[in-house]
Amino acid sequence: MLSVGCHISSAGGFEAMGERALDLGATTFAYFTRNPRGGSAKKADPSDADRLVSLMAEHGFGRIVAHAPYTMNLCSAKPDVRAFAREAMAADLRTMELVPGNYYNFHPGSHVGQGADIGIELIAQGLNEALEPGQHTTVLLETMAGKGTEVGRSFEELAQVLELVDHDELMGVCLDTCHVSDAGYDISADLDAVLDEFDRVLGIERLRALHLNDSKNPVGAHKDRHERLGLGHLGLGCFAAIVTNERTRDLPLVLETPNEAPGYAAEIEALRRLAAGEDLAEVEARLTSTRDTDR
């Protein structure tokens, strides 16, 4: 079964997130481990985590994809910012052990003028401090759009990070469709060619999850502005290719489109219909009518 979902508020705890995901027709979800624009994290309740694990097993969930806060920058030029990032990641990974076997995704960071090579070294150093041999969570580097001084704008930069990580068996990659398109990888024109390039540089076994976002900007724009599925430069056909491609269809697929709950539910349903082989034009028309109704 397709493992598709969206970001879910962590308010109410683990089991509440699973229940909200079910309400949307989702069988995976993402959530922020702490305030995405801040640094605080609520103390986790192990019994609540156990209830989520049971709910996921009962309803056939795929792996979930926790997301680190945006403020976490392992390659900042400021030592205190780097220290917070390392401490936050280590704490988050300890909490993730309550729901073992899932993913922890993070933006590699911005080198803020130090240069990509120094940024890459600092990211790897931070990972080497945070990763614990034997942990049950895989840490995912996210592909980035390349705006400003972001690290991770190319598959090669991600590969350089992984080469410096001591326990790279605990590492993977989350491919964000808007980000890779904005970075210059034309997934809407030829998904297989991009996946071939990923395989050549990183190894396709590193690909563990995808963020599904259309883009408000054309390929190579380096802007990172997400759009709802089918309303941007990628088009709904790009996502039809993803949910039917043997290298991506069985991975956790997490929507990060600018939607409220009804919009996410409609996109989740559309992706399931596309995965089942329904006609693209018919699915697109149905999705459009749902959006018209929402207005």
C-alpha atoms as a PDB file:
ATOM      1  CA  MET A   1       0.000   0.000   0.000  1.00  0.00           C
ATOM      2  CA  LEU A   2       1.215   3.494  -0.843  1.00  0.00           C
ATOM      3  CA  SER A   3       2.780   5.171   2.216  1.00  0.00           C
ATOM      4  CA  VAL A   4       1.654   8.754   1.716  1.00  0.00           C
ATOM      5  CA  GLY A   5       0.870  11.503   4.190  1.00  0.00           C
ATOM      6  CA  CYS A   6       1.691  15.052   5.219  1.00  0.00           C
ATOM      7  CA  HIS A   7       3.026  17.119   8.100  1.00  0.00           C
ATOM      8  CA  ILE A   8       0.954  16.683  11.259  1.00  0.00           C
ATOM      9  CA  SER A   9       0.906  18.940  14.320  1.00  0.00           C
ATOM     10  CA  SER A  10       2.612  17.315  17.276  1.00  0.00           C
ATOM     11  CA  ALA A  11       0.116  18.919  19.687  1.00  0.00           C
ATOM     12  CA  GLY A  12      -1.416  16.178  21.794  1.00  0.00           C
ATOM     13  CA  GLY A  13       1.468  13.760  21.418  1.00  0.00           C
ATOM     14  CA  PHE A  14       2.301  10.654  19.428  1.00  0.00           C
ATOM     15  CA  GLU A  15      -1.016   8.790  19.365  1.00  0.00           C
ATOM     16  CA  ALA A  16      -2.919  11.969  18.480  1.00  0.00           C
ATOM     17  CA  MET A  17      -0.644  12.456  15.453  1.00  0.00           C
ATOM     18  CA  GLY A  18      -1.410   8.954  14.241  1.00  0.00           C
ATOM     19  CA  GLU A  19      -5.142   9.506  14.646  1.00  0.00           C
ATOM     20  CA  ARG A  20      -5.006  12.796  12.754  1.00  0.00           C
ATOM     21  CA  ALA A  21      -3.085  11.088   9.962  1.00  0.00           C
ATOM     22  CA  LEU A  22      -5.774   8.399   9.714  1.00  0.00           C
ATOM     23  CA  ASP A  23      -8.460  11.086   9.472  1.00  0.00           C
ATOM     24  CA  LEU A  24      -6.701  12.391   6.350  1.00  0.00           C
ATOM     25  CA  GLY A  25      -6.360   8.949   4.761  1.00  0.00           C
ATOM     26  CA  ALA A  26      -2.618   8.933   5.406  1.00  0.00           C
ATOM     27  CA  THR A  27      -0.396   5.941   6.135  1.00  0.00           C
ATOM     28  CA  THR A  28       2.707   7.928   7.033  1.00  0.00           C
ATOM     29  CA  PHE A  29       3.301  11.431   8.314  1.00  0.00           C
ATOM     30  CA  ALA A  30       5.943  13.947   9.262  1.00  0.00           C
ATOM     31  CA  TYR A  31       6.110  16.088  12.376  1.00  0.00           C
ATOM     32  CA  PHE A  32       8.496  18.602  13.864  1.00  0.00           C
ATOM     33  CA  THR A  33      10.421  17.205  16.812  1.00  0.00           C
ATOM     34  CA  ARG A  34      10.345  20.637  18.436  1.00  0.00           C
ATOM     35  CA  ASN A  35       9.181  24.146  17.565  1.00  0.00           C
ATOM     36  CA  PRO A  36      10.299  24.557  13.926  1.00  0.00           C
ATOM     37  CA  ARG A  37      11.327  28.183  14.518  1.00  0.00           C
ATOM     38  CA  GLY A  38      12.603  27.718  18.053  1.00  0.00           C
ATOM     39  CA  GLY A  39      14.422  25.301  20.251  1.00  0.00           C
ATOM     40  CA  SER A  40      12.027  23.856  22.784  1.00  0.00           C
ATOM     41  CA  ALA A  41      10.848  20.243  22.865  1.00  0.00           C
ATOM     42  CA  LYS A  42       8.130  18.678  24.979  1.00  0.00           C
ATOM     43  CA  LYS A  43       9.065  15.726  27.168  1.00  0.00           C
ATOM     44  CA  ALA A  44       7.859  12.571  25.452  1.00  0.00           C
ATOM     45  CA  ASP A  45       5.585  10.027  27.130  1.00  0.00           C
ATOM     46  CA  PRO A  46       6.810   6.457  26.449  1.00  0.00           C
ATOM     47  CA  SER A  47       3.318   4.984  26.860  1.00  0.00           C
ATOM     48  CA  ASP A  48       1.969   7.488  24.333  1.00  0.00           C
ATOM     49  CA  ALA A  49       4.734   6.464  21.912  1.00  0.00           C
ATOM     50  CA  ASP A  50       3.821   2.803  22.433  1.00  0.00           C
ATOM     51  CA  ARG A  51       0.208   3.573  21.490  1.00  0.00           C
ATOM     52  CA  LEU A  52       1.379   5.198  18.244  1.00  0.00           C
ATOM     53  CA  VAL A  53       3.526   2.166  17.416  1.00  0.00           C
ATOM     54  CA  SER A  54       0.484  -0.090  17.938  1.00  0.00           C
ATOM     55  CA  LEU A  55      -1.750   2.175  15.841  1.00  0.00           C
ATOM     56  CA  MET A  56       0.784   2.207  12.997  1.00  0.00           C
ATOM     57  CA  ALA A  57       1.037  -1.584  13.010  1.00  0.00           C
ATOM     58  CA  GLU A  58      -2.739  -1.994  13.082  1.00  0.00           C
ATOM     59  CA  HIS A  59      -3.311   0.316  10.125  1.00  0.00           C
ATOM     60  CA  GLY A  60      -0.344  -0.632   7.950  1.00  0.00           C
ATOM     61  CA  PHE A  61       1.636   2.586   8.240  1.00  0.00           C
ATOM     62  CA  GLY A  62       4.964   2.992   6.532  1.00  0.00           C
ATOM     63  CA  ARG A  63       7.890   4.629   8.312  1.00  0.00           C
ATOM     64  CA  ILE A  64       7.273   8.121   9.635  1.00  0.00           C
ATOM     65  CA  VAL A  65       9.618  11.013   8.886  1.00  0.00           C
ATOM     66  CA  ALA A  66      10.317  13.297  11.843  1.00  0.00           C
ATOM     67  CA  HIS A  67      11.670  16.730  10.910  1.00  0.00           C
ATOM     68  CA  ALA A  68      14.307  18.696  12.789  1.00  0.00           C
ATOM     69  CA  PRO A  69      13.661  22.415  13.441  1.00  0.00           C
ATOM     70  CA  TYR A  70      14.666  24.919  10.781  1.00  0.00           C
ATOM     71  CA  THR A  71      16.836  26.739  13.324  1.00  0.00           C
ATOM     72  CA  MET A  72      19.168  23.753  13.598  1.00  0.00           C
ATOM     73  CA  ASN A  73      22.295  24.646  11.618  1.00  0.00           C
ATOM     74  CA  LEU A  74      25.178  22.231  12.082  1.00  0.00           C
ATOM     75  CA  CYS A  75      27.481  24.347   9.897  1.00  0.00           C
ATOM     76  CA  SER A  76      26.797  27.797  11.313  1.00  0.00           C
ATOM     77  CA  ALA A  77      29.750  30.147  11.694  1.00  0.00           C
ATOM     78  CA  LYS A  78      28.625  30.721  15.298  1.00  0.00           C
ATOM     79  CA  PRO A  79      29.838  28.105  17.810  1.00  0.00           C
ATOM     80  CA  ASP A  80      26.752  28.505  20.016  1.00  0.00           C
ATOM     81  CA  VAL A  81      24.422  27.831  17.080  1.00  0.00           C
ATOM     82  CA  ARG A  82      26.403  24.721  16.161  1.00  0.00           C
ATOM     83  CA  ALA A  83      26.340  23.572  19.774  1.00  0.00           C
ATOM     84  CA  PHE A  84      22.548  23.933  19.951  1.00  0.00           C
ATOM     85  CA  ALA A  85      22.191  21.976  16.705  1.00  0.00           C
ATOM     86  CA  ARG A  86      24.310  19.096  18.002  1.00  0.00           C
ATOM     87  CA  GLU A  87      22.533  19.001  21.352  1.00  0.00           C
ATOM     88  CA  ALA A  88      19.080  19.209  19.733  1.00  0.00           C
ATOM     89  CA  MET A  89      19.857  16.427  17.275  1.00  0.00           C
ATOM     90  CA  ALA A  90      21.239  14.137  19.967  1.00  0.00           C
ATOM     91  CA  ALA A  91      18.187  14.760  22.175  1.00  0.00           C
ATOM     92  CA  ASP A  92      15.783  14.237  19.272  1.00  0.00           C
ATOM     93  CA  LEU A  93      17.435  10.957  18.348  1.00  0.00           C
ATOM     94  CA  ARG A  94      17.101   9.721  21.923  1.00  0.00           C
ATOM     95  CA  THR A  95      13.385  10.525  21.810  1.00  0.00           C
ATOM     96  CA  MET A  96      13.042   8.841  18.404  1.00  0.00           C
ATOM     97  CA  GLU A  97      14.087   5.571  20.029  1.00  0.00           C
ATOM     98  CA  LEU A  98      10.590   5.508  21.565  1.00  0.00           C
ATOM     99  CA  VAL A  99       9.247   4.903  18.034  1.00  0.00           C
ATOM    100  CA  PRO A 100      12.109   2.789  16.656  1.00  0.00           C
ATOM    101  CA  GLY A 101      12.777   2.090  13.015  1.00  0.00           C
ATOM    102  CA  ASN A 102      11.724   5.459  11.638  1.00  0.00           C
ATOM    103  CA  TYR A 103      13.423   8.462  10.021  1.00  0.00           C
ATOM    104  CA  TYR A 104      14.795  11.776  11.289  1.00  0.00           C
ATOM    105  CA  ASN A 105      15.113  14.325   8.494  1.00  0.00           C
ATOM    106  CA  PHE A 106      17.051  17.595   8.632  1.00  0.00           C
ATOM    107  CA  HIS A 107      18.211  20.431   6.406  1.00  0.00           C
ATOM    108  CA  PRO A 108      22.012  20.099   6.213  1.00  0.00           C
ATOM    109  CA  GLY A 109      22.467  23.800   6.983  1.00  0.00           C
ATOM    110  CA  SER A 110      23.932  27.012   5.585  1.00  0.00           C
ATOM    111  CA  HIS A 111      27.653  27.708   5.669  1.00  0.00           C
ATOM    112  CA  VAL A 112      26.982  31.494   5.841  1.00  0.00           C
ATOM    113  CA  GLY A 113      30.055  32.486   3.876  1.00  0.00           C
ATOM    114  CA  GLN A 114      32.537  29.974   5.251  1.00  0.00           C
ATOM    115  CA  GLY A 115      32.457  27.988   2.018  1.00  0.00           C
ATOM    116  CA  ALA A 116      30.776  24.702   1.159  1.00  0.00           C
ATOM    117  CA  ASP A 117      33.829  22.595   2.026  1.00  0.00           C
ATOM    118  CA  ILE A 118      33.973  23.926   5.587  1.00  0.00           C
ATOM    119  CA  GLY A 119      30.202  23.605   5.866  1.00  0.00           C
ATOM    120  CA  ILE A 120      30.370  19.967   4.809  1.00  0.00           C
ATOM    121  CA  GLU A 121      33.096  19.211   7.369  1.00  0.00           C
ATOM    122  CA  LEU A 122      31.103  20.860  10.166  1.00  0.00           C
ATOM    123  CA  ILE A 123      27.931  18.950   9.276  1.00  0.00           C
ATOM    124  CA  ALA A 124      29.809  15.660   9.351  1.00  0.00           C
ATOM    125  CA  GLN A 125      31.438  16.561  12.684  1.00  0.00           C
ATOM    126  CA  GLY A 126      28.019  17.289  14.153  1.00  0.00           C
ATOM    127  CA  LEU A 127      26.619  14.010  12.892  1.00  0.00           C
ATOM    128  CA  ASN A 128      29.586  12.103  14.279  1.00  0.00           C
ATOM    129  CA  GLU A 129      28.830  13.565  17.713  1.00  0.00           C
ATOM    130  CA  ALA A 130      25.079  12.879  17.555  1.00  0.00           C
ATOM    131  CA  LEU A 131      24.918   9.409  15.999  1.00  0.00           C
ATOM    132  CA  GLU A 132      25.008   6.436  18.344  1.00  0.00           C
ATOM    133  CA  PRO A 133      26.021   2.976  17.087  1.00  0.00           C
ATOM    134  CA  GLY A 134      23.059   0.655  17.370  1.00  0.00           C
ATOM    135  CA  GLN A 135      20.408   3.381  17.257  1.00  0.00           C
ATOM    136  CA  HIS A 136      17.164   2.390  15.525  1.00  0.00           C
ATOM    137  CA  THR A 137      16.577   5.699  13.717  1.00  0.00           C
ATOM    138  CA  THR A 138      18.004   6.529  10.299  1.00  0.00           C
ATOM    139  CA  VAL A 139      19.045  10.166   9.843  1.00  0.00           C
ATOM    140  CA  LEU A 140      18.164  11.693   6.478  1.00  0.00           C
ATOM    141  CA  LEU A 141      19.954  14.552   4.749  1.00  0.00           C
ATOM    142  CA  GLU A 142      17.425  16.572   2.762  1.00  0.00           C
ATOM    143  CA  THR A 143      18.143  17.720  -0.786  1.00  0.00           C
ATOM    144  CA  MET A 144      18.121  21.518  -0.907  1.00  0.00           C
ATOM    145  CA  ALA A 145      17.162  24.141  -3.508  1.00  0.00           C
ATOM    146  CA  GLY A 146      20.505  25.951  -3.320  1.00  0.00           C
ATOM    147  CA  LYS A 147      19.321  29.365  -2.179  1.00  0.00           C
ATOM    148  CA  GLY A 148      21.864  31.502  -0.378  1.00  0.00           C
ATOM    149  CA  THR A 149      24.646  29.447   1.170  1.00  0.00           C
ATOM    150  CA  GLU A 150      22.706  26.208   1.648  1.00  0.00           C
ATOM    151  CA  VAL A 151      24.702  23.000   1.709  1.00  0.00           C
ATOM    152  CA  GLY A 152      23.062  20.096  -0.099  1.00  0.00           C
ATOM    153  CA  ARG A 153      22.246  21.821  -3.386  1.00  0.00           C
ATOM    154  CA  SER A 154      23.720  18.894  -5.309  1.00  0.00           C
ATOM    155  CA  PHE A 155      23.929  15.143  -4.898  1.00  0.00           C
ATOM    156  CA  GLU A 156      27.702  15.561  -4.820  1.00  0.00           C
ATOM    157  CA  GLU A 157      27.576  17.798  -1.745  1.00  0.00           C
ATOM    158  CA  LEU A 158      25.422  15.263   0.098  1.00  0.00           C
ATOM    159  CA  ALA A 159      27.837  12.504  -0.908  1.00  0.00           C
ATOM    160  CA  GLN A 160      30.748  14.508   0.509  1.00  0.00           C
ATOM    161  CA  VAL A 161      28.966  14.743   3.854  1.00  0.00           C
ATOM    162  CA  LEU A 162      28.284  11.011   3.917  1.00  0.00           C
ATOM    163  CA  GLU A 163      31.906  10.211   3.111  1.00  0.00           C
ATOM    164  CA  LEU A 164      32.953  11.968   6.334  1.00  0.00           C
ATOM    165  CA  VAL A 165      30.353  10.359   8.615  1.00  0.00           C
ATOM    166  CA  ASP A 166      31.735   7.547  10.761  1.00  0.00           C
ATOM    167  CA  HIS A 167      28.476   5.568  10.927  1.00  0.00           C
ATOM    168  CA  ASP A 168      27.116   6.135   7.453  1.00  0.00           C
ATOM    169  CA  GLU A 169      25.025   2.967   7.815  1.00  0.00           C
ATOM    170  CA  LEU A 170      22.752   5.158   9.960  1.00  0.00           C
ATOM    171  CA  MET A 171      22.341   7.724   7.170  1.00  0.00           C
ATOM    172  CA  GLY A 172      20.066   8.200   4.177  1.00  0.00           C
ATOM    173  CA  VAL A 173      18.612  10.944   1.969  1.00  0.00           C
ATOM    174  CA  CYS A 174      15.182  12.535   1.675  1.00  0.00           C
ATOM    175  CA  LEU A 175      14.537  13.887  -1.819  1.00  0.00           C
ATOM    176  CA  ASP A 176      12.373  17.013  -1.876  1.00  0.00           C
ATOM    177  CA  THR A 177      10.767  17.426  -5.302  1.00  0.00           C
ATOM    178  CA  CYS A 178      10.565  21.227  -5.190  1.00  0.00           C
ATOM    179  CA  HIS A 179      14.118  21.505  -3.895  1.00  0.00           C
ATOM    180  CA  VAL A 180      15.742  19.224  -6.462  1.00  0.00           C
ATOM    181  CA  SER A 181      13.888  20.926  -9.305  1.00  0.00           C
ATOM    182  CA  ASP A 182      14.879  24.364  -8.062  1.00  0.00           C
ATOM    183  CA  ALA A 183      18.440  23.049  -7.686  1.00  0.00           C
ATOM    184  CA  GLY A 184      18.486  22.167 -11.400  1.00  0.00           C
ATOM    185  CA  TYR A 185      17.461  18.494 -11.542  1.00  0.00           C
ATOM    186  CA  ASP A 186      14.593  18.319 -14.047  1.00  0.00           C
ATOM    187  CA  ILE A 187      12.449  15.627 -12.447  1.00  0.00           C
ATOM    188  CA  SER A 188       9.325  16.781 -14.267  1.00  0.00           C
ATOM    189  CA  ALA A 189      10.936  16.130 -17.671  1.00  0.00           C
ATOM    190  CA  ASP A 190      12.728  12.859 -16.824  1.00  0.00           C
ATOM    191  CA  LEU A 191      12.371  11.377 -13.343  1.00  0.00           C
ATOM    192  CA  ASP A 192      14.365   8.276 -14.273  1.00  0.00           C
ATOM    193  CA  ALA A 193      17.332  10.335 -15.450  1.00  0.00           C
ATOM    194  CA  VAL A 194      17.446  12.152 -12.106  1.00  0.00           C
ATOM    195  CA  LEU A 195      17.152   8.874 -10.195  1.00  0.00           C
ATOM    196  CA  ASP A 196      19.949   7.436 -12.342  1.00  0.00           C
ATOM    197  CA  GLU A 197      22.131  10.412 -11.399  1.00  0.00           C
ATOM    198  CA  PHE A 198      21.222   9.961  -7.732  1.00  0.00           C
ATOM    199  CA  ASP A 199      22.209   6.302  -8.009  1.00  0.00           C
ATOM    200  CA  ARG A 200      25.511   7.165  -9.682  1.00  0.00           C
ATOM    201  CA  VAL A 201      26.522   9.726  -7.061  1.00  0.00           C
ATOM    202  CA  LEU A 202      24.924   8.454  -3.850  1.00  0.00           C
ATOM    203  CA  GLY A 203      23.573   4.965  -4.505  1.00  0.00           C
ATOM    204  CA  ILE A 204      19.827   4.504  -4.845  1.00  0.00           C
ATOM    205  CA  GLU A 205      19.785   2.558  -1.563  1.00  0.00           C
ATOM    206  CA  ARG A 206      20.399   5.909   0.173  1.00  0.00           C
ATOM    207  CA  LEU A 207      17.012   7.201  -0.985  1.00  0.00           C
ATOM    208  CA  ARG A 208      14.695   6.557   1.962  1.00  0.00           C
ATOM    209  CA  ALA A 209      11.860   9.109   1.683  1.00  0.00           C
ATOM    210  CA  LEU A 210      10.471  11.907  -0.486  1.00  0.00           C
ATOM    211  CA  HIS A 211       8.897  15.267   0.237  1.00  0.00           C
ATOM    212  CA  LEU A 212       6.263  15.902  -2.425  1.00  0.00           C
ATOM    213  CA  ASN A 213       5.904  19.547  -3.412  1.00  0.00           C
ATOM    214  CA  ASP A 214       5.176  21.297  -6.665  1.00  0.00           C
ATOM    215  CA  SER A 215       7.290  24.403  -7.272  1.00  0.00           C
ATOM    216  CA  LYS A 216       6.248  27.990  -7.915  1.00  0.00           C
ATOM    217  CA  ASN A 217       9.456  28.453  -9.893  1.00  0.00           C
ATOM    218  CA  PRO A 218      11.023  26.840 -12.980  1.00  0.00           C
ATOM    219  CA  VAL A 219      13.807  24.294 -12.824  1.00  0.00           C
ATOM    220  CA  GLY A 220      17.108  25.752 -11.633  1.00  0.00           C
ATOM    221  CA  ALA A 221      15.558  28.821  -9.969  1.00  0.00           C
ATOM    222  CA  HIS A 222      17.181  28.196  -6.541  1.00  0.00           C
ATOM    223  CA  LYS A 223      14.145  29.775  -4.844  1.00  0.00           C
ATOM    224  CA  ASP A 224      12.423  27.051  -2.730  1.00  0.00           C
ATOM    225  CA  ARG A 225       8.777  28.112  -2.911  1.00  0.00           C
ATOM    226  CA  HIS A 226       6.413  25.175  -2.548  1.00  0.00           C
ATOM    227  CA  GLU A 227       3.144  24.884  -4.477  1.00  0.00           C
ATOM    228  CA  ARG A 228       0.179  22.523  -4.303  1.00  0.00           C
ATOM    229  CA  LEU A 229       0.375  19.453  -6.531  1.00  0.00           C
ATOM    230  CA  GLY A 230      -0.353  20.201 -10.163  1.00  0.00           C
ATOM    231  CA  LEU A 231      -0.397  23.980  -9.746  1.00  0.00           C
ATOM    232  CA  GLY A 232       3.315  24.609 -10.229  1.00  0.00           C
ATOM    233  CA  HIS A 233       6.077  24.000 -12.744  1.00  0.00           C
ATOM    234  CA  LEU A 234       6.375  20.274 -11.998  1.00  0.00           C
ATOM    235  CA  GLY A 235       2.783  19.368 -12.828  1.00  0.00           C
ATOM    236  CA  LEU A 236       0.664  16.480 -11.592  1.00  0.00           C
ATOM    237  CA  GLY A 237       2.267  14.142 -14.133  1.00  0.00           C
ATOM    238  CA  CYS A 238       5.554  14.357 -12.220  1.00  0.00           C
ATOM    239  CA  PHE A 239       3.858  12.979  -9.120  1.00  0.00           C
ATOM    240  CA  ALA A 240       2.069  10.295 -11.132  1.00  0.00           C
ATOM    241  CA  ALA A 241       5.528   9.162 -12.241  1.00  0.00           C
ATOM    242  CA  ILE A 242       6.789   9.105  -8.639  1.00  0.00           C
ATOM    243  CA  VAL A 243       3.931   6.977  -7.259  1.00  0.00           C
ATOM    244  CA  THR A 244       4.313   4.430 -10.078  1.00  0.00           C
ATOM    245  CA  ASN A 245       8.123   4.310 -10.381  1.00  0.00           C
ATOM    246  CA  GLU A 246       9.570   1.143  -8.832  1.00  0.00           C
ATOM    247  CA  ARG A 247      12.389   3.123  -7.201  1.00  0.00           C
ATOM    248  CA  THR A 248      10.138   5.606  -5.388  1.00  0.00           C
ATOM    249  CA  ARG A 249       6.608   4.175  -5.073  1.00  0.00           C
ATOM    250  CA  ASP A 250       7.306   2.123  -1.929  1.00  0.00           C
ATOM    251  CA  LEU A 251       9.062   4.891   0.011  1.00  0.00           C
ATOM    252  CA  PRO A 252       7.375   7.203   2.532  1.00  0.00           C
ATOM    253  CA  LEU A 253       5.918  10.108   0.532  1.00  0.00           C
ATOM    254  CA  VAL A 254       5.274  13.223   2.616  1.00  0.00           C
ATOM    255  CA  LEU A 255       3.354  16.229   1.297  1.00  0.00           C
ATOM    256  CA  GLU A 256       4.700  19.655   2.257  1.00  0.00           C
ATOM    257  CA  THR A 257       2.347  21.634   0.033  1.00  0.00           C
ATOM    258  CA  PRO A 258       0.683  24.911   1.183  1.00  0.00           C
ATOM    259  CA  ASN A 259      -2.573  23.297   2.309  1.00  0.00           C
ATOM    260  CA  GLU A 260      -4.945  22.958   5.212  1.00  0.00           C
ATOM    261  CA  ALA A 261      -6.282  19.534   6.252  1.00  0.00           C
ATOM    262  CA  PRO A 262      -8.943  19.238   3.470  1.00  0.00           C
ATOM    263  CA  GLY A 263      -6.340  20.061   0.841  1.00  0.00           C
ATOM    264  CA  TYR A 264      -3.968  17.430   2.164  1.00  0.00           C
ATOM    265  CA  ALA A 265      -6.736  14.832   2.218  1.00  0.00           C
ATOM    266  CA  ALA A 266      -7.576  15.623  -1.416  1.00  0.00           C
ATOM    267  CA  GLU A 267      -3.937  15.352  -2.520  1.00  0.00           C
ATOM    268  CA  ILE A 268      -3.461  12.094  -0.617  1.00  0.00           C
ATOM    269  CA  GLU A 269      -6.514  10.662  -2.376  1.00  0.00           C
ATOM    270  CA  ALA A 270      -5.257  11.916  -5.748  1.00  0.00           C
ATOM    271  CA  LEU A 271      -1.887  10.225  -5.240  1.00  0.00           C
ATOM    272  CA  ARG A 272      -3.588   6.953  -4.329  1.00  0.00           C
ATOM    273  CA  ARG A 273      -5.700   7.144  -7.480  1.00  0.00           C
ATOM    274  CA  LEU A 274      -2.626   7.822  -9.607  1.00  0.00           C
ATOM    275  CA  ALA A 275      -0.778   4.919  -7.982  1.00  0.00           C
ATOM    276  CA  ALA A 276      -3.722   2.680  -8.837  1.00  0.00           C
ATOM    277  CA  GLY A 277      -3.372   3.618 -12.501  1.00  0.00           C
ATOM    278  CA  GLU A 278      -6.316   5.984 -12.876  1.00  0.00           C
ATOM    279  CA  ASP A 279      -6.239   8.403 -15.787  1.00  0.00           C
ATOM    280  CA  LEU A 280      -4.145  11.498 -15.083  1.00  0.00           C
ATOM    281  CA  ALA A 281      -6.653  13.921 -16.604  1.00  0.00           C
ATOM    282  CA  GLU A 282      -9.512  12.454 -14.586  1.00  0.00           C
ATOM    283  CA  VAL A 283      -7.560  12.604 -11.334  1.00  0.00           C
ATOM    284  CA  GLU A 284      -6.510  16.174 -12.078  1.00  0.00           C
ATOM    285  CA  ALA A 285     -10.108  17.191 -12.805  1.00  0.00           C
ATOM    286  CA  ARG A 286     -11.302  15.605  -9.581  1.00  0.00           C
ATOM    287  CA  LEU A 287      -8.560  17.318  -7.576  1.00  0.00           C
ATOM    288  CA  THR A 288      -9.414  20.663  -9.186  1.00  0.00           C
ATOM    289  CA  SER A 289     -13.102  20.288  -8.376  1.00  0.00           C
ATOM    290  CA  THR A 290     -12.235  19.516  -4.762  1.00  0.00           C
ATOM    291  CA  ARG A 291     -10.187  22.703  -4.577  1.00  0.00           C
ATOM    292  CA  ASP A 292     -13.044  24.683  -6.126  1.00  0.00           C
ATOM    293  CA  THR A 293     -15.343  23.277  -3.446  1.00  0.00           C
ATOM    294  CA  ASP A 294     -12.868  24.276  -0.725  1.00  0.00           C
ATOM    295  CA  ARG A 295     -13.039  27.890  -1.870  1.00  0.00           C
END
